[in-house]
Amino acid sequence: MPHAELTLTIPEEIWIGDVSRTYDEATFRILAALPGEDSGVGLAEVTSADLPAVLRDIEGRNSVTSMEILSHRDDRALIQFETSMPLLLFPVQGSGIPLEMPFTLSDGQAVWEISAPQERLSELGEQLEEFGIPFDVDRIQQHLESEQLLTESQLELVEAAIDAGYYDTPRDCSLTELAERVGIAKSTCSETLHRAEEKILKEFVADHRTR
């Protein structure tokens, strides 16, 4: 089944795109999202050096009908929000593709990973265009073997991280340096590594339990 990685440019009229551009160093990690008929509910982890200002901005948006802070520590908060404009969810809903969570959004851009038949991916592209959401296809892998643990991009990044000394003790390469080295955004680098590490650890533990 084809696996695609897309970078979406969030239109200015979508509140989360506007907030993320205003605070371009902030990272929004969308953990869950549920569309309704006239609204949508989301769960997000927000990280920012100016977190109180970011949260006030979100709460003050007209299209954010409610926001609750579930946890708050240092520069990171877990929030649940309801919005009257869940525009990002409409294209996946219309194309019938389940959106893989979590995904990261920062500085007006969101990175999606999608696994679906080719015709569904084509329908998603048409839906994104219909709703006025620009996007770039960063990578599409036509034949993802079921036994393959990591996607090609995840494997390449993990290998680059090992080569750069990111996993050494003490660490020889920071996340920022690694992102610059491979030529991707820091938020994308962090999210891709997190997904890869999760798969590797779960596979390791599952293998250990079966011995």
N, C-alpha and C. Protein backbone atom coordinates (compact mmCIF):
# COMPACT_ATOMS: atom_id res chain seq x y z
N MET A 1 0.85 -1.20 0.00
CA MET A 1 0.00 0.00 0.00
C MET A 1 0.89 1.25 0.00
N PRO A 2 0.59 2.22 -0.84
CA PRO A 2 1.41 3.44 -0.90
C PRO A 2 1.40 4.19 0.43
N HIS A 3 2.56 4.77 0.74
CA HIS A 3 2.72 5.58 1.94
C HIS A 3 3.22 6.95 1.50
N ALA A 4 2.50 8.00 1.86
CA ALA A 4 2.86 9.35 1.42
C ALA A 4 3.14 10.26 2.61
N GLU A 5 4.06 11.17 2.42
CA GLU A 5 4.35 12.21 3.41
C GLU A 5 4.06 13.56 2.75
N LEU A 6 3.18 14.33 3.37
CA LEU A 6 2.75 15.60 2.81
C LEU A 6 3.08 16.74 3.77
N THR A 7 3.42 17.89 3.21
CA THR A 7 3.55 19.12 4.00
C THR A 7 2.45 20.06 3.55
N LEU A 8 1.55 20.38 4.47
CA LEU A 8 0.42 21.27 4.18
C LEU A 8 0.75 22.68 4.64
N THR A 9 0.38 23.65 3.83
CA THR A 9 0.47 25.06 4.23
C THR A 9 -0.91 25.49 4.69
N ILE A 10 -1.02 25.83 5.98
CA ILE A 10 -2.32 26.12 6.57
C ILE A 10 -2.80 27.50 6.12
N PRO A 11 -3.98 27.59 5.53
CA PRO A 11 -4.51 28.91 5.12
C PRO A 11 -4.60 29.87 6.29
N GLU A 12 -4.47 31.16 6.01
CA GLU A 12 -4.44 32.17 7.06
C GLU A 12 -5.73 32.25 7.84
N GLU A 13 -6.86 31.87 7.21
CA GLU A 13 -8.14 31.97 7.91
C GLU A 13 -8.35 30.87 8.95
N ILE A 14 -7.49 29.85 8.95
CA ILE A 14 -7.57 28.81 9.97
C ILE A 14 -6.79 29.26 11.19
N TRP A 15 -7.43 29.28 12.34
CA TRP A 15 -6.86 29.89 13.54
C TRP A 15 -5.52 29.30 13.94
N ILE A 16 -5.39 27.97 13.84
CA ILE A 16 -4.15 27.36 14.30
C ILE A 16 -2.98 27.71 13.39
N GLY A 17 -3.28 27.93 12.10
CA GLY A 17 -2.23 28.38 11.19
C GLY A 17 -1.78 29.77 11.52
N ASP A 18 -2.73 30.66 11.84
CA ASP A 18 -2.41 32.05 12.17
C ASP A 18 -1.63 32.11 13.48
N VAL A 19 -2.07 31.35 14.49
CA VAL A 19 -1.36 31.35 15.78
C VAL A 19 0.07 30.83 15.61
N SER A 20 0.22 29.76 14.83
CA SER A 20 1.55 29.17 14.67
C SER A 20 2.49 30.08 13.88
N ARG A 21 1.94 30.94 13.04
CA ARG A 21 2.79 31.91 12.34
C ARG A 21 3.15 33.08 13.26
N THR A 22 2.21 33.48 14.10
CA THR A 22 2.48 34.56 15.05
C THR A 22 3.59 34.14 16.02
N TYR A 23 3.53 32.89 16.47
CA TYR A 23 4.55 32.35 17.37
C TYR A 23 5.26 31.23 16.61
N ASP A 24 6.17 31.64 15.71
CA ASP A 24 6.74 30.68 14.77
C ASP A 24 7.69 29.68 15.42
N GLU A 25 8.08 29.92 16.69
CA GLU A 25 8.94 28.94 17.36
C GLU A 25 8.10 27.90 18.11
N ALA A 26 6.80 28.10 18.17
CA ALA A 26 5.92 27.17 18.90
C ALA A 26 5.67 25.92 18.06
N THR A 27 5.46 24.81 18.76
CA THR A 27 5.15 23.54 18.11
C THR A 27 3.81 23.02 18.63
N PHE A 28 2.94 22.64 17.71
CA PHE A 28 1.64 22.07 18.05
C PHE A 28 1.66 20.61 17.62
N ARG A 29 1.58 19.71 18.59
CA ARG A 29 1.56 18.28 18.28
C ARG A 29 0.12 17.80 18.47
N ILE A 30 -0.55 17.54 17.36
CA ILE A 30 -1.95 17.14 17.39
C ILE A 30 -2.03 15.65 17.71
N LEU A 31 -2.58 15.34 18.87
CA LEU A 31 -2.63 13.96 19.34
C LEU A 31 -3.91 13.25 18.93
N ALA A 32 -5.00 14.00 18.82
CA ALA A 32 -6.29 13.41 18.44
C ALA A 32 -7.17 14.51 17.88
N ALA A 33 -8.06 14.14 16.97
CA ALA A 33 -8.99 15.11 16.38
C ALA A 33 -10.25 14.38 15.94
N LEU A 34 -11.38 14.98 16.23
CA LEU A 34 -12.67 14.36 15.89
C LEU A 34 -13.57 15.41 15.25
N PRO A 35 -13.91 15.23 13.97
CA PRO A 35 -14.80 16.19 13.32
C PRO A 35 -16.26 15.90 13.64
N GLY A 36 -17.05 16.97 13.75
CA GLY A 36 -18.49 16.84 13.90
C GLY A 36 -19.19 17.50 12.73
N GLU A 37 -20.50 17.65 12.82
CA GLU A 37 -21.24 18.28 11.73
C GLU A 37 -20.91 19.75 11.59
N ASP A 38 -20.84 20.46 12.72
CA ASP A 38 -20.59 21.90 12.68
C ASP A 38 -19.37 22.33 13.47
N SER A 39 -18.62 21.37 14.01
CA SER A 39 -17.47 21.72 14.83
C SER A 39 -16.50 20.55 14.86
N GLY A 40 -15.39 20.75 15.53
CA GLY A 40 -14.40 19.70 15.69
C GLY A 40 -13.76 19.82 17.05
N VAL A 41 -13.35 18.68 17.60
CA VAL A 41 -12.68 18.64 18.89
C VAL A 41 -11.28 18.08 18.70
N GLY A 42 -10.31 18.71 19.35
CA GLY A 42 -8.94 18.26 19.20
C GLY A 42 -8.21 18.20 20.53
N LEU A 43 -7.17 17.38 20.57
CA LEU A 43 -6.28 17.26 21.71
C LEU A 43 -4.88 17.57 21.20
N ALA A 44 -4.21 18.54 21.82
CA ALA A 44 -2.92 18.97 21.31
C ALA A 44 -1.94 19.25 22.43
N GLU A 45 -0.67 18.97 22.15
CA GLU A 45 0.42 19.33 23.04
C GLU A 45 1.09 20.57 22.44
N VAL A 46 1.10 21.65 23.19
CA VAL A 46 1.65 22.91 22.72
C VAL A 46 2.96 23.18 23.45
N THR A 47 4.02 23.45 22.70
CA THR A 47 5.31 23.76 23.28
C THR A 47 5.79 25.12 22.79
N SER A 48 6.15 26.00 23.71
CA SER A 48 6.60 27.33 23.33
C SER A 48 7.31 27.99 24.50
N ALA A 49 8.32 28.79 24.18
CA ALA A 49 9.01 29.56 25.21
C ALA A 49 8.10 30.66 25.74
N ASP A 50 7.10 31.05 24.96
CA ASP A 50 6.13 32.07 25.35
C ASP A 50 4.75 31.43 25.49
N LEU A 51 4.69 30.33 26.22
CA LEU A 51 3.48 29.51 26.29
C LEU A 51 2.24 30.27 26.77
N PRO A 52 2.31 31.08 27.85
CA PRO A 52 1.11 31.78 28.30
C PRO A 52 0.49 32.66 27.21
N ALA A 53 1.34 33.33 26.43
CA ALA A 53 0.83 34.19 25.36
C ALA A 53 0.17 33.36 24.26
N VAL A 54 0.76 32.21 23.95
CA VAL A 54 0.19 31.33 22.92
C VAL A 54 -1.18 30.83 23.35
N LEU A 55 -1.30 30.41 24.60
CA LEU A 55 -2.58 29.89 25.10
C LEU A 55 -3.63 30.99 25.15
N ARG A 56 -3.24 32.20 25.52
CA ARG A 56 -4.20 33.32 25.53
C ARG A 56 -4.67 33.62 24.11
N ASP A 57 -3.76 33.56 23.17
CA ASP A 57 -4.11 33.81 21.77
C ASP A 57 -5.11 32.77 21.27
N ILE A 58 -4.86 31.50 21.58
CA ILE A 58 -5.77 30.44 21.16
C ILE A 58 -7.16 30.66 21.75
N GLU A 59 -7.19 30.93 23.05
CA GLU A 59 -8.47 31.09 23.74
C GLU A 59 -9.25 32.29 23.22
N GLY A 60 -8.54 33.30 22.71
CA GLY A 60 -9.21 34.50 22.23
C GLY A 60 -9.70 34.43 20.79
N ARG A 61 -9.41 33.34 20.10
CA ARG A 61 -9.83 33.20 18.70
C ARG A 61 -11.34 32.97 18.61
N ASN A 62 -11.98 33.67 17.69
CA ASN A 62 -13.44 33.56 17.54
C ASN A 62 -13.87 32.14 17.17
N SER A 63 -13.05 31.45 16.38
CA SER A 63 -13.43 30.11 15.93
C SER A 63 -13.09 29.03 16.94
N VAL A 64 -12.43 29.40 18.05
CA VAL A 64 -12.19 28.45 19.13
C VAL A 64 -13.29 28.65 20.16
N THR A 65 -14.24 27.74 20.18
CA THR A 65 -15.42 27.91 21.04
C THR A 65 -15.15 27.51 22.48
N SER A 66 -14.14 26.66 22.71
CA SER A 66 -13.76 26.33 24.08
C SER A 66 -12.34 25.80 24.09
N MET A 67 -11.64 26.01 25.20
CA MET A 67 -10.29 25.48 25.37
C MET A 67 -10.08 25.15 26.84
N GLU A 68 -9.57 23.97 27.11
CA GLU A 68 -9.30 23.55 28.49
C GLU A 68 -7.85 23.07 28.58
N ILE A 69 -7.13 23.59 29.57
CA ILE A 69 -5.75 23.16 29.81
C ILE A 69 -5.79 21.93 30.70
N LEU A 70 -5.38 20.79 30.16
CA LEU A 70 -5.43 19.53 30.90
C LEU A 70 -4.20 19.33 31.77
N SER A 71 -3.06 19.82 31.30
CA SER A 71 -1.83 19.78 32.10
C SER A 71 -0.91 20.88 31.61
N HIS A 72 -0.03 21.33 32.49
CA HIS A 72 0.82 22.48 32.18
C HIS A 72 2.12 22.33 32.97
N ARG A 73 3.23 22.29 32.26
CA ARG A 73 4.52 22.19 32.92
C ARG A 73 5.58 22.91 32.12
N ASP A 74 6.22 23.89 32.75
CA ASP A 74 7.28 24.67 32.12
C ASP A 74 6.79 25.28 30.79
N ASP A 75 7.39 24.86 29.68
CA ASP A 75 7.05 25.44 28.38
C ASP A 75 6.11 24.56 27.57
N ARG A 76 5.42 23.62 28.23
CA ARG A 76 4.58 22.66 27.51
C ARG A 76 3.22 22.53 28.19
N ALA A 77 2.18 22.46 27.36
CA ALA A 77 0.83 22.30 27.90
C ALA A 77 0.05 21.33 27.02
N LEU A 78 -0.81 20.56 27.67
CA LEU A 78 -1.73 19.67 26.96
C LEU A 78 -3.10 20.32 27.01
N ILE A 79 -3.68 20.58 25.84
CA ILE A 79 -4.96 21.27 25.80
C ILE A 79 -5.98 20.47 25.00
N GLN A 80 -7.23 20.66 25.36
CA GLN A 80 -8.35 20.14 24.56
C GLN A 80 -9.15 21.34 24.09
N PHE A 81 -9.48 21.36 22.82
CA PHE A 81 -10.17 22.53 22.27
C PHE A 81 -11.30 22.09 21.35
N GLU A 82 -12.26 22.98 21.21
CA GLU A 82 -13.33 22.79 20.25
C GLU A 82 -13.33 23.98 19.32
N THR A 83 -13.46 23.71 18.03
CA THR A 83 -13.42 24.78 17.04
C THR A 83 -14.61 24.69 16.09
N SER A 84 -15.08 25.84 15.67
CA SER A 84 -16.17 25.88 14.70
C SER A 84 -15.65 25.78 13.27
N MET A 85 -14.32 25.73 13.10
CA MET A 85 -13.74 25.66 11.77
C MET A 85 -12.65 24.58 11.72
N PRO A 86 -13.04 23.29 11.74
CA PRO A 86 -12.05 22.21 11.66
C PRO A 86 -11.68 21.91 10.21
N LEU A 87 -11.24 22.93 9.50
CA LEU A 87 -11.03 22.82 8.05
C LEU A 87 -10.03 21.73 7.68
N LEU A 88 -9.02 21.49 8.52
CA LEU A 88 -8.03 20.48 8.19
C LEU A 88 -8.61 19.07 8.17
N LEU A 89 -9.71 18.87 8.89
CA LEU A 89 -10.28 17.53 8.97
C LEU A 89 -11.20 17.20 7.81
N PHE A 90 -11.72 18.22 7.14
CA PHE A 90 -12.68 17.98 6.07
C PHE A 90 -12.09 17.17 4.90
N PRO A 91 -10.86 17.47 4.45
CA PRO A 91 -10.33 16.70 3.31
C PRO A 91 -10.15 15.22 3.62
N VAL A 92 -9.67 14.87 4.84
CA VAL A 92 -9.51 13.45 5.16
C VAL A 92 -10.86 12.78 5.33
N GLN A 93 -11.82 13.54 5.84
CA GLN A 93 -13.16 13.01 5.99
C GLN A 93 -13.79 12.74 4.63
N GLY A 94 -13.59 13.68 3.71
CA GLY A 94 -14.17 13.54 2.37
C GLY A 94 -13.52 12.46 1.54
N SER A 95 -12.23 12.20 1.79
CA SER A 95 -11.52 11.19 1.00
C SER A 95 -11.59 9.81 1.63
N GLY A 96 -12.08 9.74 2.87
CA GLY A 96 -12.20 8.44 3.53
C GLY A 96 -10.89 7.86 3.99
N ILE A 97 -9.90 8.73 4.23
CA ILE A 97 -8.59 8.26 4.67
C ILE A 97 -8.42 8.55 6.16
N PRO A 98 -8.06 7.57 6.99
CA PRO A 98 -7.79 7.85 8.39
C PRO A 98 -6.48 8.60 8.54
N LEU A 99 -6.52 9.71 9.25
CA LEU A 99 -5.34 10.53 9.44
C LEU A 99 -4.47 9.95 10.55
N GLU A 100 -3.20 9.70 10.24
CA GLU A 100 -2.30 9.12 11.23
C GLU A 100 -1.93 10.18 12.28
N MET A 101 -2.10 9.80 13.53
CA MET A 101 -1.76 10.67 14.65
C MET A 101 -0.56 10.08 15.40
N PRO A 102 0.23 10.95 16.05
CA PRO A 102 0.10 12.41 16.05
C PRO A 102 0.75 13.01 14.81
N PHE A 103 0.43 14.28 14.54
CA PHE A 103 1.17 15.01 13.52
C PHE A 103 1.55 16.37 14.09
N THR A 104 2.59 16.95 13.53
CA THR A 104 3.16 18.19 14.06
C THR A 104 2.84 19.37 13.16
N LEU A 105 2.56 20.49 13.77
CA LEU A 105 2.26 21.73 13.06
C LEU A 105 3.10 22.85 13.67
N SER A 106 3.77 23.61 12.84
CA SER A 106 4.53 24.76 13.31
C SER A 106 4.74 25.74 12.16
N ASP A 107 4.77 27.02 12.51
CA ASP A 107 5.01 28.10 11.54
C ASP A 107 4.13 27.96 10.30
N GLY A 108 2.85 27.63 10.52
CA GLY A 108 1.90 27.59 9.43
C GLY A 108 1.95 26.36 8.55
N GLN A 109 2.72 25.35 8.96
CA GLN A 109 2.80 24.13 8.15
C GLN A 109 2.57 22.90 9.01
N ALA A 110 1.90 21.91 8.42
CA ALA A 110 1.63 20.64 9.08
C ALA A 110 2.22 19.51 8.25
N VAL A 111 2.75 18.51 8.93
CA VAL A 111 3.33 17.35 8.25
C VAL A 111 2.43 16.14 8.50
N TRP A 112 1.93 15.57 7.42
CA TRP A 112 1.05 14.41 7.50
C TRP A 112 1.75 13.18 6.92
N GLU A 113 1.48 12.02 7.54
CA GLU A 113 1.86 10.74 6.95
C GLU A 113 0.58 9.97 6.68
N ILE A 114 0.44 9.51 5.44
CA ILE A 114 -0.80 8.86 5.01
C ILE A 114 -0.47 7.53 4.35
N SER A 115 -1.18 6.48 4.77
CA SER A 115 -1.08 5.19 4.09
C SER A 115 -2.47 4.85 3.56
N ALA A 116 -2.59 4.72 2.25
CA ALA A 116 -3.89 4.48 1.63
C ALA A 116 -3.69 4.03 0.19
N PRO A 117 -4.71 3.39 -0.40
CA PRO A 117 -4.63 3.04 -1.82
C PRO A 117 -4.46 4.29 -2.68
N GLN A 118 -3.90 4.11 -3.86
CA GLN A 118 -3.58 5.23 -4.73
C GLN A 118 -4.79 6.10 -5.03
N GLU A 119 -5.96 5.46 -5.26
CA GLU A 119 -7.14 6.25 -5.61
C GLU A 119 -7.60 7.12 -4.44
N ARG A 120 -7.39 6.63 -3.21
CA ARG A 120 -7.73 7.43 -2.03
C ARG A 120 -6.78 8.60 -1.88
N LEU A 121 -5.51 8.37 -2.15
CA LEU A 121 -4.53 9.46 -2.08
C LEU A 121 -4.86 10.54 -3.11
N SER A 122 -5.26 10.10 -4.30
CA SER A 122 -5.64 11.06 -5.34
C SER A 122 -6.86 11.86 -4.90
N GLU A 123 -7.82 11.19 -4.27
CA GLU A 123 -9.02 11.86 -3.77
C GLU A 123 -8.66 12.87 -2.68
N LEU A 124 -7.70 12.51 -1.82
CA LEU A 124 -7.26 13.43 -0.77
C LEU A 124 -6.67 14.69 -1.39
N GLY A 125 -5.84 14.52 -2.44
CA GLY A 125 -5.27 15.67 -3.11
C GLY A 125 -6.34 16.58 -3.69
N GLU A 126 -7.36 15.99 -4.28
CA GLU A 126 -8.47 16.78 -4.84
C GLU A 126 -9.23 17.51 -3.73
N GLN A 127 -9.42 16.82 -2.60
CA GLN A 127 -10.13 17.44 -1.48
C GLN A 127 -9.33 18.60 -0.90
N LEU A 128 -8.03 18.45 -0.77
CA LEU A 128 -7.18 19.53 -0.26
C LEU A 128 -7.26 20.75 -1.18
N GLU A 129 -7.22 20.50 -2.47
CA GLU A 129 -7.32 21.60 -3.43
C GLU A 129 -8.70 22.26 -3.35
N GLU A 130 -9.74 21.45 -3.19
CA GLU A 130 -11.09 21.99 -3.12
C GLU A 130 -11.27 22.90 -1.91
N PHE A 131 -10.63 22.54 -0.79
CA PHE A 131 -10.75 23.35 0.42
C PHE A 131 -9.68 24.44 0.50
N GLY A 132 -8.90 24.61 -0.57
CA GLY A 132 -7.92 25.69 -0.61
C GLY A 132 -6.74 25.51 0.32
N ILE A 133 -6.30 24.27 0.49
CA ILE A 133 -5.17 23.98 1.37
C ILE A 133 -3.98 23.54 0.51
N PRO A 134 -3.00 24.43 0.29
CA PRO A 134 -1.83 24.05 -0.52
C PRO A 134 -1.04 22.94 0.16
N PHE A 135 -0.44 22.07 -0.64
CA PHE A 135 0.36 20.99 -0.07
C PHE A 135 1.46 20.58 -1.03
N ASP A 136 2.50 20.00 -0.46
CA ASP A 136 3.60 19.42 -1.23
C ASP A 136 3.72 17.95 -0.86
N VAL A 137 3.95 17.11 -1.85
CA VAL A 137 4.20 15.69 -1.60
C VAL A 137 5.70 15.55 -1.41
N ASP A 138 6.13 15.33 -0.16
CA ASP A 138 7.55 15.22 0.14
C ASP A 138 8.11 13.86 -0.28
N ARG A 139 7.27 12.85 -0.13
CA ARG A 139 7.72 11.50 -0.47
C ARG A 139 6.51 10.60 -0.67
N ILE A 140 6.61 9.71 -1.63
CA ILE A 140 5.58 8.68 -1.78
C ILE A 140 6.28 7.37 -2.09
N GLN A 141 5.98 6.38 -1.31
CA GLN A 141 6.58 5.06 -1.46
C GLN A 141 5.50 4.11 -1.92
N GLN A 142 5.66 3.59 -3.12
CA GLN A 142 4.60 2.80 -3.73
C GLN A 142 4.42 1.44 -3.09
N HIS A 143 5.49 0.84 -2.61
CA HIS A 143 5.38 -0.51 -2.08
C HIS A 143 6.05 -0.58 -0.72
N LEU A 144 5.26 -0.40 0.31
CA LEU A 144 5.75 -0.48 1.67
C LEU A 144 5.50 -1.90 2.18
N GLU A 145 6.57 -2.66 2.34
CA GLU A 145 6.43 -4.04 2.79
C GLU A 145 5.91 -4.08 4.21
N SER A 146 5.00 -5.03 4.47
CA SER A 146 4.38 -5.12 5.79
C SER A 146 5.40 -5.43 6.87
N GLU A 147 6.50 -6.15 6.51
CA GLU A 147 7.47 -6.52 7.51
C GLU A 147 8.48 -5.40 7.76
N GLN A 148 8.47 -4.38 6.96
CA GLN A 148 9.40 -3.27 7.15
C GLN A 148 8.98 -2.44 8.35
N LEU A 149 9.87 -2.31 9.32
CA LEU A 149 9.53 -1.64 10.57
C LEU A 149 9.42 -0.13 10.39
N LEU A 150 10.40 0.48 9.74
CA LEU A 150 10.43 1.93 9.57
C LEU A 150 10.18 2.31 8.12
N THR A 151 9.61 3.50 7.93
CA THR A 151 9.51 4.04 6.58
C THR A 151 10.91 4.43 6.12
N GLU A 152 11.06 4.64 4.84
CA GLU A 152 12.38 4.99 4.30
C GLU A 152 12.91 6.28 4.91
N SER A 153 12.03 7.28 5.06
CA SER A 153 12.47 8.56 5.62
C SER A 153 12.86 8.42 7.09
N GLN A 154 12.11 7.59 7.84
CA GLN A 154 12.46 7.35 9.24
C GLN A 154 13.81 6.66 9.36
N LEU A 155 14.03 5.64 8.53
CA LEU A 155 15.29 4.91 8.56
C LEU A 155 16.46 5.81 8.20
N GLU A 156 16.28 6.64 7.16
CA GLU A 156 17.35 7.55 6.75
C GLU A 156 17.70 8.53 7.86
N LEU A 157 16.66 9.03 8.57
CA LEU A 157 16.92 10.00 9.63
C LEU A 157 17.59 9.35 10.83
N VAL A 158 17.15 8.14 11.19
CA VAL A 158 17.78 7.43 12.31
C VAL A 158 19.25 7.14 11.99
N GLU A 159 19.52 6.72 10.76
CA GLU A 159 20.91 6.46 10.35
C GLU A 159 21.74 7.73 10.40
N ALA A 160 21.15 8.85 9.94
CA ALA A 160 21.86 10.13 9.99
C ALA A 160 22.13 10.56 11.43
N ALA A 161 21.14 10.31 12.30
CA ALA A 161 21.30 10.66 13.72
C ALA A 161 22.42 9.86 14.36
N ILE A 162 22.49 8.57 14.03
CA ILE A 162 23.56 7.71 14.58
C ILE A 162 24.92 8.19 14.07
N ASP A 163 25.00 8.46 12.77
CA ASP A 163 26.26 8.91 12.18
C ASP A 163 26.73 10.23 12.77
N ALA A 164 25.77 11.11 13.10
CA ALA A 164 26.11 12.43 13.63
C ALA A 164 26.43 12.42 15.12
N GLY A 165 26.16 11.29 15.78
CA GLY A 165 26.42 11.21 17.21
C GLY A 165 25.28 11.69 18.07
N TYR A 166 24.09 11.74 17.49
CA TYR A 166 22.92 12.24 18.24
C TYR A 166 22.59 11.32 19.41
N TYR A 167 22.85 10.02 19.25
CA TYR A 167 22.53 9.06 20.31
C TYR A 167 23.74 8.71 21.17
N ASP A 168 24.86 9.39 20.95
CA ASP A 168 26.04 9.14 21.78
C ASP A 168 25.86 9.74 23.17
N THR A 169 26.65 9.26 24.12
CA THR A 169 26.66 9.81 25.47
C THR A 169 28.10 10.19 25.83
N PRO A 170 28.38 11.50 25.97
CA PRO A 170 27.45 12.62 25.79
C PRO A 170 27.13 12.83 24.31
N ARG A 171 26.04 13.53 24.06
CA ARG A 171 25.55 13.74 22.71
C ARG A 171 26.48 14.66 21.92
N ASP A 172 26.87 14.25 20.71
CA ASP A 172 27.75 15.06 19.86
C ASP A 172 27.00 15.95 18.89
N CYS A 173 25.67 15.79 18.83
CA CYS A 173 24.88 16.54 17.86
C CYS A 173 23.52 16.84 18.48
N SER A 174 23.11 18.10 18.44
CA SER A 174 21.81 18.48 18.97
C SER A 174 20.72 18.23 17.93
N LEU A 175 19.46 18.31 18.38
CA LEU A 175 18.34 18.14 17.46
C LEU A 175 18.37 19.21 16.37
N THR A 176 18.67 20.45 16.77
CA THR A 176 18.75 21.56 15.80
C THR A 176 19.83 21.29 14.76
N GLU A 177 21.01 20.82 15.22
CA GLU A 177 22.11 20.54 14.30
C GLU A 177 21.77 19.39 13.37
N LEU A 178 21.08 18.38 13.91
CA LEU A 178 20.70 17.23 13.08
C LEU A 178 19.71 17.66 12.00
N ALA A 179 18.72 18.49 12.39
CA ALA A 179 17.74 18.98 11.42
C ALA A 179 18.42 19.77 10.30
N GLU A 180 19.37 20.63 10.68
CA GLU A 180 20.10 21.42 9.67
C GLU A 180 20.94 20.50 8.78
N ARG A 181 21.50 19.48 9.37
CA ARG A 181 22.37 18.56 8.63
C ARG A 181 21.60 17.81 7.54
N VAL A 182 20.36 17.39 7.86
CA VAL A 182 19.58 16.64 6.87
C VAL A 182 18.65 17.54 6.06
N GLY A 183 18.59 18.83 6.42
CA GLY A 183 17.83 19.78 5.63
C GLY A 183 16.33 19.74 5.82
N ILE A 184 15.87 19.51 7.07
CA ILE A 184 14.44 19.53 7.35
C ILE A 184 14.18 20.41 8.56
N ALA A 185 12.90 20.77 8.78
CA ALA A 185 12.55 21.60 9.93
C ALA A 185 12.79 20.83 11.22
N LYS A 186 13.13 21.58 12.28
CA LYS A 186 13.39 20.95 13.57
C LYS A 186 12.18 20.17 14.06
N SER A 187 10.97 20.74 13.88
CA SER A 187 9.76 20.06 14.33
C SER A 187 9.54 18.75 13.57
N THR A 188 9.82 18.76 12.26
CA THR A 188 9.69 17.55 11.45
C THR A 188 10.70 16.50 11.89
N CYS A 189 11.91 16.95 12.16
CA CYS A 189 12.97 16.05 12.62
C CYS A 189 12.57 15.39 13.94
N SER A 190 12.08 16.19 14.87
CA SER A 190 11.67 15.68 16.18
C SER A 190 10.54 14.66 16.04
N GLU A 191 9.52 15.00 15.24
CA GLU A 191 8.36 14.12 15.09
C GLU A 191 8.75 12.81 14.40
N THR A 192 9.59 12.89 13.36
CA THR A 192 10.00 11.68 12.64
C THR A 192 10.81 10.76 13.53
N LEU A 193 11.74 11.34 14.31
CA LEU A 193 12.52 10.54 15.24
C LEU A 193 11.63 9.90 16.30
N HIS A 194 10.66 10.67 16.79
CA HIS A 194 9.75 10.15 17.83
C HIS A 194 8.98 8.95 17.30
N ARG A 195 8.46 9.04 16.08
CA ARG A 195 7.72 7.93 15.49
C ARG A 195 8.63 6.70 15.32
N ALA A 196 9.85 6.93 14.83
CA ALA A 196 10.79 5.83 14.60
C ALA A 196 11.18 5.17 15.92
N GLU A 197 11.50 5.98 16.92
CA GLU A 197 11.90 5.45 18.22
C GLU A 197 10.76 4.64 18.85
N GLU A 198 9.53 5.13 18.70
CA GLU A 198 8.37 4.41 19.23
C GLU A 198 8.26 3.02 18.60
N LYS A 199 8.39 2.95 17.27
CA LYS A 199 8.29 1.67 16.58
C LYS A 199 9.42 0.72 17.00
N ILE A 200 10.64 1.25 17.10
CA ILE A 200 11.80 0.42 17.45
C ILE A 200 11.65 -0.13 18.86
N LEU A 201 11.26 0.71 19.81
CA LEU A 201 11.12 0.28 21.20
C LEU A 201 10.00 -0.75 21.36
N LYS A 202 8.85 -0.50 20.71
CA LYS A 202 7.75 -1.43 20.81
C LYS A 202 8.11 -2.78 20.19
N GLU A 203 8.82 -2.75 19.06
CA GLU A 203 9.23 -3.98 18.41
C GLU A 203 10.23 -4.73 19.30
N PHE A 204 11.15 -4.00 19.92
CA PHE A 204 12.15 -4.62 20.79
C PHE A 204 11.48 -5.30 21.99
N VAL A 205 10.55 -4.59 22.65
CA VAL A 205 9.87 -5.15 23.82
C VAL A 205 9.01 -6.34 23.43
N ALA A 206 8.29 -6.22 22.30
CA ALA A 206 7.45 -7.33 21.84
C ALA A 206 8.29 -8.55 21.54
N ASP A 207 9.46 -8.36 20.92
CA ASP A 207 10.35 -9.47 20.60
C ASP A 207 10.90 -10.10 21.87
N HIS A 208 11.24 -9.25 22.85
CA HIS A 208 11.78 -9.74 24.12
C HIS A 208 10.74 -10.58 24.88
N ARG A 209 9.49 -10.17 24.84
CA ARG A 209 8.42 -10.88 25.57
C ARG A 209 8.12 -12.25 24.98
N THR A 210 8.40 -12.41 23.69
CA THR A 210 8.09 -13.69 23.04
C THR A 210 9.23 -14.71 23.21
N ARG A 211 10.33 -14.28 23.79
CA ARG A 211 11.47 -15.22 23.93
C ARG A 211 11.27 -16.13 25.15
